[in-house]
Amino acid sequence: GSVRSFTGFKLMWYSFDYLTIAGNYTKNEL
């Protein structure tokens, strides 16, 4: 339940978003 700030390349965040939309993963699962 804690919140952590994470800095990464935008390409990494595009992958994160892609996986939650097209890859059928939730943010929590990743």
Full PDB file with SEQRES, HELIX, SHEET, SSBOND, CRYST1, ORIGX, SCALE, CONECT and MASTER records, all heavy atoms in Angstrom:
SEQRES   1 A   30  GLY SER VAL ARG SER PHE THR GLY PHE LYS LEU MET TRP          
SEQRES   2 A   30  TYR SER PHE ASP TYR LEU THR ILE ALA GLY ASN TYR THR          
SEQRES   3 A   30  LYS ASN GLU LEU                                              
HELIX    1 AA1 LYS A   10  ILE A   21  1                                  12    
CRYST1    1.000    1.000    1.000  90.00  90.00  90.00 P 1           1          
ORIGX1      1.000000  0.000000  0.000000        0.00000                         
ORIGX2      0.000000  1.000000  0.000000        0.00000                         
ORIGX3      0.000000  0.000000  1.000000        0.00000                         
SCALE1      1.000000  0.000000  0.000000        0.00000                         
SCALE2      0.000000  1.000000  0.000000        0.00000                         
SCALE3      0.000000  0.000000  1.000000        0.00000                         
ATOM      1  N   GLY A   1       0.790  -1.222   0.000  1.00  0.00           N  
ATOM      2  CA  GLY A   1       0.000   0.000   0.000  1.00  0.00           C  
ATOM      3  C   GLY A   1       0.825   1.277   0.000  1.00  0.00           C  
ATOM      4  O   GLY A   1       0.284   2.361  -0.192  1.00  0.00           O  
ATOM      5  N   SER A   2       2.126   1.154   0.216  1.00  0.00           N  
ATOM      6  CA  SER A   2       2.981   2.340   0.175  1.00  0.00           C  
ATOM      7  C   SER A   2       3.133   2.799  -1.273  1.00  0.00           C  
ATOM      8  O   SER A   2       2.915   2.039  -2.212  1.00  0.00           O  
ATOM      9  CB  SER A   2       4.347   2.047   0.797  1.00  0.00           C  
ATOM     10  OG  SER A   2       5.045   1.079   0.028  1.00  0.00           O  
ATOM     11  N   VAL A   3       3.511   4.042  -1.434  1.00  0.00           N  
ATOM     12  CA  VAL A   3       3.698   4.611  -2.767  1.00  0.00           C  
ATOM     13  C   VAL A   3       5.168   4.969  -2.927  1.00  0.00           C  
ATOM     14  O   VAL A   3       5.764   5.589  -2.052  1.00  0.00           O  
ATOM     15  CB  VAL A   3       2.813   5.857  -2.972  1.00  0.00           C  
ATOM     16  CG1 VAL A   3       3.084   6.501  -4.317  1.00  0.00           C  
ATOM     17  CG2 VAL A   3       1.347   5.504  -2.837  1.00  0.00           C  
ATOM     18  N   ARG A   4       5.735   4.534  -4.023  1.00  0.00           N  
ATOM     19  CA  ARG A   4       7.149   4.782  -4.300  1.00  0.00           C  
ATOM     20  C   ARG A   4       7.262   5.564  -5.599  1.00  0.00           C  
ATOM     21  O   ARG A   4       6.645   5.206  -6.602  1.00  0.00           O  
ATOM     22  CB  ARG A   4       7.861   3.437  -4.442  1.00  0.00           C  
ATOM     23  CG  ARG A   4       9.285   3.533  -4.894  1.00  0.00           C  
ATOM     24  CD  ARG A   4       9.864   2.161  -5.119  1.00  0.00           C  
ATOM     25  NE  ARG A   4      10.528   1.742  -3.909  1.00  0.00           N  
ATOM     26  CZ  ARG A   4      11.148   0.589  -3.767  1.00  0.00           C  
ATOM     27  NH1 ARG A   4      11.165  -0.274  -4.754  1.00  0.00           N  
ATOM     28  NH2 ARG A   4      11.740   0.279  -2.656  1.00  0.00           N  
ATOM     29  N   SER A   5       8.040   6.621  -5.572  1.00  0.00           N  
ATOM     30  CA  SER A   5       8.332   7.363  -6.803  1.00  0.00           C  
ATOM     31  C   SER A   5       9.418   6.620  -7.559  1.00  0.00           C  
ATOM     32  O   SER A   5      10.410   6.192  -6.968  1.00  0.00           O  
ATOM     33  CB  SER A   5       8.802   8.783  -6.481  1.00  0.00           C  
ATOM     34  OG  SER A   5       7.734   9.530  -5.986  1.00  0.00           O  
ATOM     35  N   PHE A   6       9.202   6.461  -8.846  1.00  0.00           N  
ATOM     36  CA  PHE A   6      10.165   5.731  -9.673  1.00  0.00           C  
ATOM     37  C   PHE A   6      10.449   6.556 -10.913  1.00  0.00           C  
ATOM     38  O   PHE A   6       9.536   6.982 -11.607  1.00  0.00           O  
ATOM     39  CB  PHE A   6       9.621   4.358 -10.064  1.00  0.00           C  
ATOM     40  CG  PHE A   6      10.661   3.443 -10.638  1.00  0.00           C  
ATOM     41  CD1 PHE A   6      11.345   2.562  -9.822  1.00  0.00           C  
ATOM     42  CD2 PHE A   6      10.980   3.477 -11.982  1.00  0.00           C  
ATOM     43  CE1 PHE A   6      12.319   1.730 -10.338  1.00  0.00           C  
ATOM     44  CE2 PHE A   6      11.954   2.656 -12.507  1.00  0.00           C  
ATOM     45  CZ  PHE A   6      12.631   1.766 -11.679  1.00  0.00           C  
ATOM     46  N   THR A   7      11.722   6.769 -11.177  1.00  0.00           N  
ATOM     47  CA  THR A   7      12.142   7.511 -12.369  1.00  0.00           C  
ATOM     48  C   THR A   7      12.730   6.541 -13.374  1.00  0.00           C  
ATOM     49  O   THR A   7      13.589   5.726 -13.040  1.00  0.00           O  
ATOM     50  CB  THR A   7      13.196   8.580 -12.000  1.00  0.00           C  
ATOM     51  OG1 THR A   7      12.624   9.470 -11.039  1.00  0.00           O  
ATOM     52  CG2 THR A   7      13.630   9.364 -13.225  1.00  0.00           C  
ATOM     53  N   GLY A   8      12.228   6.629 -14.597  1.00  0.00           N  
ATOM     54  CA  GLY A   8      12.728   5.771 -15.669  1.00  0.00           C  
ATOM     55  C   GLY A   8      12.595   6.478 -17.003  1.00  0.00           C  
ATOM     56  O   GLY A   8      11.942   7.527 -17.110  1.00  0.00           O  
ATOM     57  N   PHE A   9      13.214   5.894 -18.003  1.00  0.00           N  
ATOM     58  CA  PHE A   9      13.093   6.450 -19.347  1.00  0.00           C  
ATOM     59  C   PHE A   9      11.639   6.384 -19.816  1.00  0.00           C  
ATOM     60  O   PHE A   9      10.900   5.467 -19.451  1.00  0.00           O  
ATOM     61  CB  PHE A   9      13.977   5.687 -20.336  1.00  0.00           C  
ATOM     62  CG  PHE A   9      15.447   5.898 -20.112  1.00  0.00           C  
ATOM     63  CD1 PHE A   9      16.257   4.842 -19.720  1.00  0.00           C  
ATOM     64  CD2 PHE A   9      16.024   7.143 -20.293  1.00  0.00           C  
ATOM     65  CE1 PHE A   9      17.618   5.028 -19.516  1.00  0.00           C  
ATOM     66  CE2 PHE A   9      17.382   7.343 -20.089  1.00  0.00           C  
ATOM     67  CZ  PHE A   9      18.180   6.276 -19.697  1.00  0.00           C  
ATOM     68  N   LYS A  10      11.259   7.343 -20.650  1.00  0.00           N  
ATOM     69  CA  LYS A  10       9.898   7.340 -21.188  1.00  0.00           C  
ATOM     70  C   LYS A  10       9.605   6.052 -21.942  1.00  0.00           C  
ATOM     71  O   LYS A  10       8.482   5.559 -21.917  1.00  0.00           O  
ATOM     72  CB  LYS A  10       9.663   8.554 -22.090  1.00  0.00           C  
ATOM     73  CG  LYS A  10       9.472   9.829 -21.323  1.00  0.00           C  
ATOM     74  CD  LYS A  10       9.088  10.975 -22.255  1.00  0.00           C  
ATOM     75  CE  LYS A  10       8.850  12.235 -21.452  1.00  0.00           C  
ATOM     76  NZ  LYS A  10       8.454  13.355 -22.337  1.00  0.00           N  
ATOM     77  N   LEU A  11      10.618   5.491 -22.591  1.00  0.00           N  
ATOM     78  CA  LEU A  11      10.417   4.225 -23.296  1.00  0.00           C  
ATOM     79  C   LEU A  11       9.958   3.135 -22.333  1.00  0.00           C  
ATOM     80  O   LEU A  11       9.093   2.335 -22.665  1.00  0.00           O  
ATOM     81  CB  LEU A  11      11.708   3.802 -23.995  1.00  0.00           C  
ATOM     82  CG  LEU A  11      11.645   2.513 -24.804  1.00  0.00           C  
ATOM     83  CD1 LEU A  11      10.597   2.611 -25.907  1.00  0.00           C  
ATOM     84  CD2 LEU A  11      13.005   2.194 -25.396  1.00  0.00           C  
ATOM     85  N   MET A  12      10.506   3.105 -21.119  1.00  0.00           N  
ATOM     86  CA  MET A  12      10.083   2.134 -20.112  1.00  0.00           C  
ATOM     87  C   MET A  12       8.620   2.358 -19.736  1.00  0.00           C  
ATOM     88  O   MET A  12       7.840   1.411 -19.626  1.00  0.00           O  
ATOM     89  CB  MET A  12      10.967   2.240 -18.862  1.00  0.00           C  
ATOM     90  CG  MET A  12      10.611   1.231 -17.794  1.00  0.00           C  
ATOM     91  SD  MET A  12      11.248   1.674 -16.172  1.00  0.00           S  
ATOM     92  CE  MET A  12      10.078   2.932 -15.679  1.00  0.00           C  
ATOM     93  N   TRP A  13       8.240   3.630 -19.559  1.00  0.00           N  
ATOM     94  CA  TRP A  13       6.856   3.930 -19.196  1.00  0.00           C  
ATOM     95  C   TRP A  13       5.900   3.620 -20.345  1.00  0.00           C  
ATOM     96  O   TRP A  13       4.758   3.213 -20.110  1.00  0.00           O  
ATOM     97  CB  TRP A  13       6.723   5.382 -18.744  1.00  0.00           C  
ATOM     98  CG  TRP A  13       7.409   5.628 -17.430  1.00  0.00           C  
ATOM     99  CD1 TRP A  13       8.456   6.458 -17.197  1.00  0.00           C  
ATOM    100  CD2 TRP A  13       7.119   5.004 -16.173  1.00  0.00           C  
ATOM    101  NE1 TRP A  13       8.827   6.392 -15.880  1.00  0.00           N  
ATOM    102  CE2 TRP A  13       8.021   5.512 -15.223  1.00  0.00           C  
ATOM    103  CE3 TRP A  13       6.179   4.061 -15.758  1.00  0.00           C  
ATOM    104  CZ2 TRP A  13       8.006   5.113 -13.887  1.00  0.00           C  
ATOM    105  CZ3 TRP A  13       6.172   3.666 -14.427  1.00  0.00           C  
ATOM    106  CH2 TRP A  13       7.065   4.188 -13.509  1.00  0.00           C  
ATOM    107  N   TYR A  14       6.347   3.804 -21.597  1.00  0.00           N  
ATOM    108  CA  TYR A  14       5.515   3.397 -22.728  1.00  0.00           C  
ATOM    109  C   TYR A  14       5.272   1.888 -22.686  1.00  0.00           C  
ATOM    110  O   TYR A  14       4.161   1.420 -22.953  1.00  0.00           O  
ATOM    111  CB  TYR A  14       6.151   3.790 -24.065  1.00  0.00           C  
ATOM    112  CG  TYR A  14       6.204   5.270 -24.342  1.00  0.00           C  
ATOM    113  CD1 TYR A  14       7.279   5.830 -25.016  1.00  0.00           C  
ATOM    114  CD2 TYR A  14       5.174   6.124 -23.953  1.00  0.00           C  
ATOM    115  CE1 TYR A  14       7.339   7.195 -25.273  1.00  0.00           C  
ATOM    116  CE2 TYR A  14       5.230   7.487 -24.210  1.00  0.00           C  
ATOM    117  CZ  TYR A  14       6.312   8.012 -24.864  1.00  0.00           C  
ATOM    118  OH  TYR A  14       6.367   9.367 -25.119  1.00  0.00           O  
ATOM    119  N   SER A  15       6.301   1.130 -22.339  1.00  0.00           N  
ATOM    120  CA  SER A  15       6.144  -0.320 -22.200  1.00  0.00           C  
ATOM    121  C   SER A  15       5.163  -0.652 -21.081  1.00  0.00           C  
ATOM    122  O   SER A  15       4.303  -1.521 -21.222  1.00  0.00           O  
ATOM    123  CB  SER A  15       7.481  -1.002 -21.911  1.00  0.00           C  
ATOM    124  OG  SER A  15       8.307  -0.983 -23.028  1.00  0.00           O  
ATOM    125  N   PHE A  16       5.308   0.032 -19.961  1.00  0.00           N  
ATOM    126  CA  PHE A  16       4.410  -0.172 -18.815  1.00  0.00           C  
ATOM    127  C   PHE A  16       2.962   0.062 -19.230  1.00  0.00           C  
ATOM    128  O   PHE A  16       2.081  -0.767 -18.966  1.00  0.00           O  
ATOM    129  CB  PHE A  16       4.827   0.782 -17.691  1.00  0.00           C  
ATOM    130  CG  PHE A  16       4.052   0.646 -16.413  1.00  0.00           C  
ATOM    131  CD1 PHE A  16       4.248  -0.443 -15.573  1.00  0.00           C  
ATOM    132  CD2 PHE A  16       3.152   1.619 -16.030  1.00  0.00           C  
ATOM    133  CE1 PHE A  16       3.556  -0.557 -14.380  1.00  0.00           C  
ATOM    134  CE2 PHE A  16       2.455   1.516 -14.842  1.00  0.00           C  
ATOM    135  CZ  PHE A  16       2.650   0.429 -14.011  1.00  0.00           C  
ATOM    136  N   ASP A  17       2.711   1.176 -19.913  1.00  0.00           N  
ATOM    137  CA  ASP A  17       1.352   1.497 -20.365  1.00  0.00           C  
ATOM    138  C   ASP A  17       0.860   0.480 -21.388  1.00  0.00           C  
ATOM    139  O   ASP A  17      -0.297   0.045 -21.338  1.00  0.00           O  
ATOM    140  CB  ASP A  17       1.306   2.904 -20.958  1.00  0.00           C  
ATOM    141  CG  ASP A  17       1.605   3.986 -19.923  1.00  0.00           C  
ATOM    142  OD1 ASP A  17       1.452   3.729 -18.704  1.00  0.00           O  
ATOM    143  OD2 ASP A  17       2.016   5.089 -20.343  1.00  0.00           O  
ATOM    144  N   TYR A  18       1.716   0.105 -22.318  1.00  0.00           N  
ATOM    145  CA  TYR A  18       1.352  -0.869 -23.351  1.00  0.00           C  
ATOM    146  C   TYR A  18       0.934  -2.194 -22.709  1.00  0.00           C  
ATOM    147  O   TYR A  18      -0.069  -2.798 -23.094  1.00  0.00           O  
ATOM    148  CB  TYR A  18       2.533  -1.084 -24.300  1.00  0.00           C  
ATOM    149  CG  TYR A  18       2.294  -2.109 -25.372  1.00  0.00           C  
ATOM    150  CD1 TYR A  18       1.594  -1.776 -26.528  1.00  0.00           C  
ATOM    151  CD2 TYR A  18       2.762  -3.410 -25.242  1.00  0.00           C  
ATOM    152  CE1 TYR A  18       1.365  -2.715 -27.518  1.00  0.00           C  
ATOM    153  CE2 TYR A  18       2.541  -4.352 -26.223  1.00  0.00           C  
ATOM    154  CZ  TYR A  18       1.838  -4.004 -27.369  1.00  0.00           C  
ATOM    155  OH  TYR A  18       1.607  -4.942 -28.338  1.00  0.00           O  
ATOM    156  N   LEU A  19       1.702  -2.647 -21.726  1.00  0.00           N  
ATOM    157  CA  LEU A  19       1.406  -3.930 -21.084  1.00  0.00           C  
ATOM    158  C   LEU A  19       0.098  -3.897 -20.303  1.00  0.00           C  
ATOM    159  O   LEU A  19      -0.594  -4.910 -20.208  1.00  0.00           O  
ATOM    160  CB  LEU A  19       2.560  -4.356 -20.181  1.00  0.00           C  
ATOM    161  CG  LEU A  19       3.841  -4.721 -20.924  1.00  0.00           C  
ATOM    162  CD1 LEU A  19       4.987  -4.924 -19.942  1.00  0.00           C  
ATOM    163  CD2 LEU A  19       3.640  -5.958 -21.783  1.00  0.00           C  
ATOM    164  N   THR A  20      -0.248  -2.744 -19.762  1.00  0.00           N  
ATOM    165  CA  THR A  20      -1.509  -2.659 -19.024  1.00  0.00           C  
ATOM    166  C   THR A  20      -2.708  -2.523 -19.963  1.00  0.00           C  
ATOM    167  O   THR A  20      -3.830  -2.831 -19.569  1.00  0.00           O  
ATOM    168  CB  THR A  20      -1.503  -1.484 -18.014  1.00  0.00           C  
ATOM    169  OG1 THR A  20      -1.283  -0.263 -18.702  1.00  0.00           O  
ATOM    170  CG2 THR A  20      -0.432  -1.688 -16.962  1.00  0.00           C  
ATOM    171  N   ILE A  21      -2.453  -2.102 -21.192  1.00  0.00           N  
ATOM    172  CA  ILE A  21      -3.551  -1.961 -22.162  1.00  0.00           C  
ATOM    173  C   ILE A  21      -3.638  -3.185 -23.070  1.00  0.00           C  
ATOM    174  O   ILE A  21      -4.659  -3.844 -23.151  1.00  0.00           O  
ATOM    175  CB  ILE A  21      -3.372  -0.679 -23.005  1.00  0.00           C  
ATOM    176  CG1 ILE A  21      -3.481   0.551 -22.109  1.00  0.00           C  
ATOM    177  CG2 ILE A  21      -4.393  -0.611 -24.135  1.00  0.00           C  
ATOM    178  CD1 ILE A  21      -3.036   1.841 -22.765  1.00  0.00           C  
ATOM    179  N   ALA A  22      -2.559  -3.485 -23.762  1.00  0.00           N  
ATOM    180  CA  ALA A  22      -2.571  -4.547 -24.776  1.00  0.00           C  
ATOM    181  C   ALA A  22      -2.063  -5.883 -24.261  1.00  0.00           C  
ATOM    182  O   ALA A  22      -2.324  -6.913 -24.866  1.00  0.00           O  
ATOM    183  CB  ALA A  22      -1.731  -4.118 -25.981  1.00  0.00           C  
ATOM    184  N   GLY A  23      -1.340  -5.862 -23.165  1.00  0.00           N  
ATOM    185  CA  GLY A  23      -0.756  -7.096 -22.661  1.00  0.00           C  
ATOM    186  C   GLY A  23      -1.578  -7.794 -21.599  1.00  0.00           C  
ATOM    187  O   GLY A  23      -1.222  -8.854 -21.113  1.00  0.00           O  
ATOM    188  N   ASN A  24      -2.694  -7.178 -21.229  1.00  0.00           N  
ATOM    189  CA  ASN A  24      -3.598  -7.747 -20.234  1.00  0.00           C  
ATOM    190  C   ASN A  24      -2.962  -7.960 -18.868  1.00  0.00           C  
ATOM    191  O   ASN A  24      -3.263  -8.918 -18.168  1.00  0.00           O  
ATOM    192  CB  ASN A  24      -4.223  -9.054 -20.738  1.00  0.00           C  
ATOM    193  CG  ASN A  24      -5.103  -8.827 -21.944  1.00  0.00           C  
ATOM    194  OD1 ASN A  24      -5.814  -7.832 -22.009  1.00  0.00           O  
ATOM    195  ND2 ASN A  24      -5.033  -9.715 -22.905  1.00  0.00           N  
ATOM    196  N   TYR A  25      -2.060  -7.074 -18.480  1.00  0.00           N  
ATOM    197  CA  TYR A  25      -1.481  -7.080 -17.143  1.00  0.00           C  
ATOM    198  C   TYR A  25      -2.016  -5.881 -16.381  1.00  0.00           C  
ATOM    199  O   TYR A  25      -2.267  -4.836 -16.967  1.00  0.00           O  
ATOM    200  CB  TYR A  25       0.054  -6.966 -17.197  1.00  0.00           C  
ATOM    201  CG  TYR A  25       0.747  -8.207 -17.673  1.00  0.00           C  
ATOM    202  CD1 TYR A  25       0.976  -8.427 -19.025  1.00  0.00           C  
ATOM    203  CD2 TYR A  25       1.187  -9.167 -16.772  1.00  0.00           C  
ATOM    204  CE1 TYR A  25       1.625  -9.563 -19.471  1.00  0.00           C  
ATOM    205  CE2 TYR A  25       1.834 -10.305 -17.201  1.00  0.00           C  
ATOM    206  CZ  TYR A  25       2.050 -10.502 -18.555  1.00  0.00           C  
ATOM    207  OH  TYR A  25       2.680 -11.631 -18.987  1.00  0.00           O  
ATOM    208  N   THR A  26      -2.166  -6.041 -15.075  1.00  0.00           N  
ATOM    209  CA  THR A  26      -2.501  -4.885 -14.254  1.00  0.00           C  
ATOM    210  C   THR A  26      -1.200  -4.258 -13.765  1.00  0.00           C  
ATOM    211  O   THR A  26      -0.147  -4.905 -13.763  1.00  0.00           O  
ATOM    212  CB  THR A  26      -3.354  -5.262 -13.040  1.00  0.00           C  
ATOM    213  OG1 THR A  26      -2.580  -6.073 -12.154  1.00  0.00           O  
ATOM    214  CG2 THR A  26      -4.625  -6.002 -13.464  1.00  0.00           C  
ATOM    215  N   LYS A  27      -1.275  -3.020 -13.335  1.00  0.00           N  
ATOM    216  CA  LYS A  27      -0.103  -2.354 -12.775  1.00  0.00           C  
ATOM    217  C   LYS A  27       0.407  -3.127 -11.566  1.00  0.00           C  
ATOM    218  O   LYS A  27       1.615  -3.308 -11.404  1.00  0.00           O  
ATOM    219  CB  LYS A  27      -0.444  -0.914 -12.402  1.00  0.00           C  
ATOM    220  CG  LYS A  27      -0.763  -0.050 -13.595  1.00  0.00           C  
ATOM    221  CD  LYS A  27      -1.204   1.339 -13.191  1.00  0.00           C  
ATOM    222  CE  LYS A  27      -1.568   2.141 -14.432  1.00  0.00           C  
ATOM    223  NZ  LYS A  27      -1.964   3.500 -14.110  1.00  0.00           N  
ATOM    224  N   ASN A  28      -0.513  -3.604 -10.744  1.00  0.00           N  
ATOM    225  CA  ASN A  28      -0.125  -4.364  -9.547  1.00  0.00           C  
ATOM    226  C   ASN A  28       0.597  -5.661  -9.909  1.00  0.00           C  
ATOM    227  O   ASN A  28       1.545  -6.056  -9.227  1.00  0.00           O  
ATOM    228  CB  ASN A  28      -1.339  -4.662  -8.679  1.00  0.00           C  
ATOM    229  CG  ASN A  28      -1.927  -3.417  -8.054  1.00  0.00           C  
ATOM    230  OD1 ASN A  28      -1.257  -2.393  -7.940  1.00  0.00           O  
ATOM    231  ND2 ASN A  28      -3.185  -3.487  -7.654  1.00  0.00           N  
ATOM    232  N   GLU A  29       0.144  -6.334 -10.970  1.00  0.00           N  
ATOM    233  CA  GLU A  29       0.810  -7.568 -11.397  1.00  0.00           C  
ATOM    234  C   GLU A  29       2.235  -7.293 -11.860  1.00  0.00           C  
ATOM    235  O   GLU A  29       3.155  -8.053 -11.539  1.00  0.00           O  
ATOM    236  CB  GLU A  29       0.025  -8.243 -12.533  1.00  0.00           C  
ATOM    237  CG  GLU A  29      -1.263  -8.881 -12.104  1.00  0.00           C  
ATOM    238  CD  GLU A  29      -2.091  -9.383 -13.272  1.00  0.00           C  
ATOM    239  OE1 GLU A  29      -2.088  -8.744 -14.350  1.00  0.00           O  
ATOM    240  OE2 GLU A  29      -2.740 -10.429 -13.100  1.00  0.00           O  
ATOM    241  N   LEU A  30       2.427  -6.218 -12.611  1.00  0.00           N  
ATOM    242  CA  LEU A  30       3.770  -5.887 -13.096  1.00  0.00           C  
ATOM    243  C   LEU A  30       4.704  -5.543 -11.941  1.00  0.00           C  
ATOM    244  O   LEU A  30       5.862  -5.974 -11.924  1.00  0.00           O  
ATOM    245  CB  LEU A  30       3.697  -4.740 -14.098  1.00  0.00           C  
ATOM    246  CG  LEU A  30       2.970  -5.063 -15.410  1.00  0.00           C  
ATOM    247  CD1 LEU A  30       2.756  -3.798 -16.234  1.00  0.00           C  
ATOM    248  CD2 LEU A  30       3.721  -6.114 -16.202  1.00  0.00           C  
TER     249      LEU A  30                                                      
MASTER        0    0    0    1    0    0    0    6  248    1    0    3          
END                                                                             
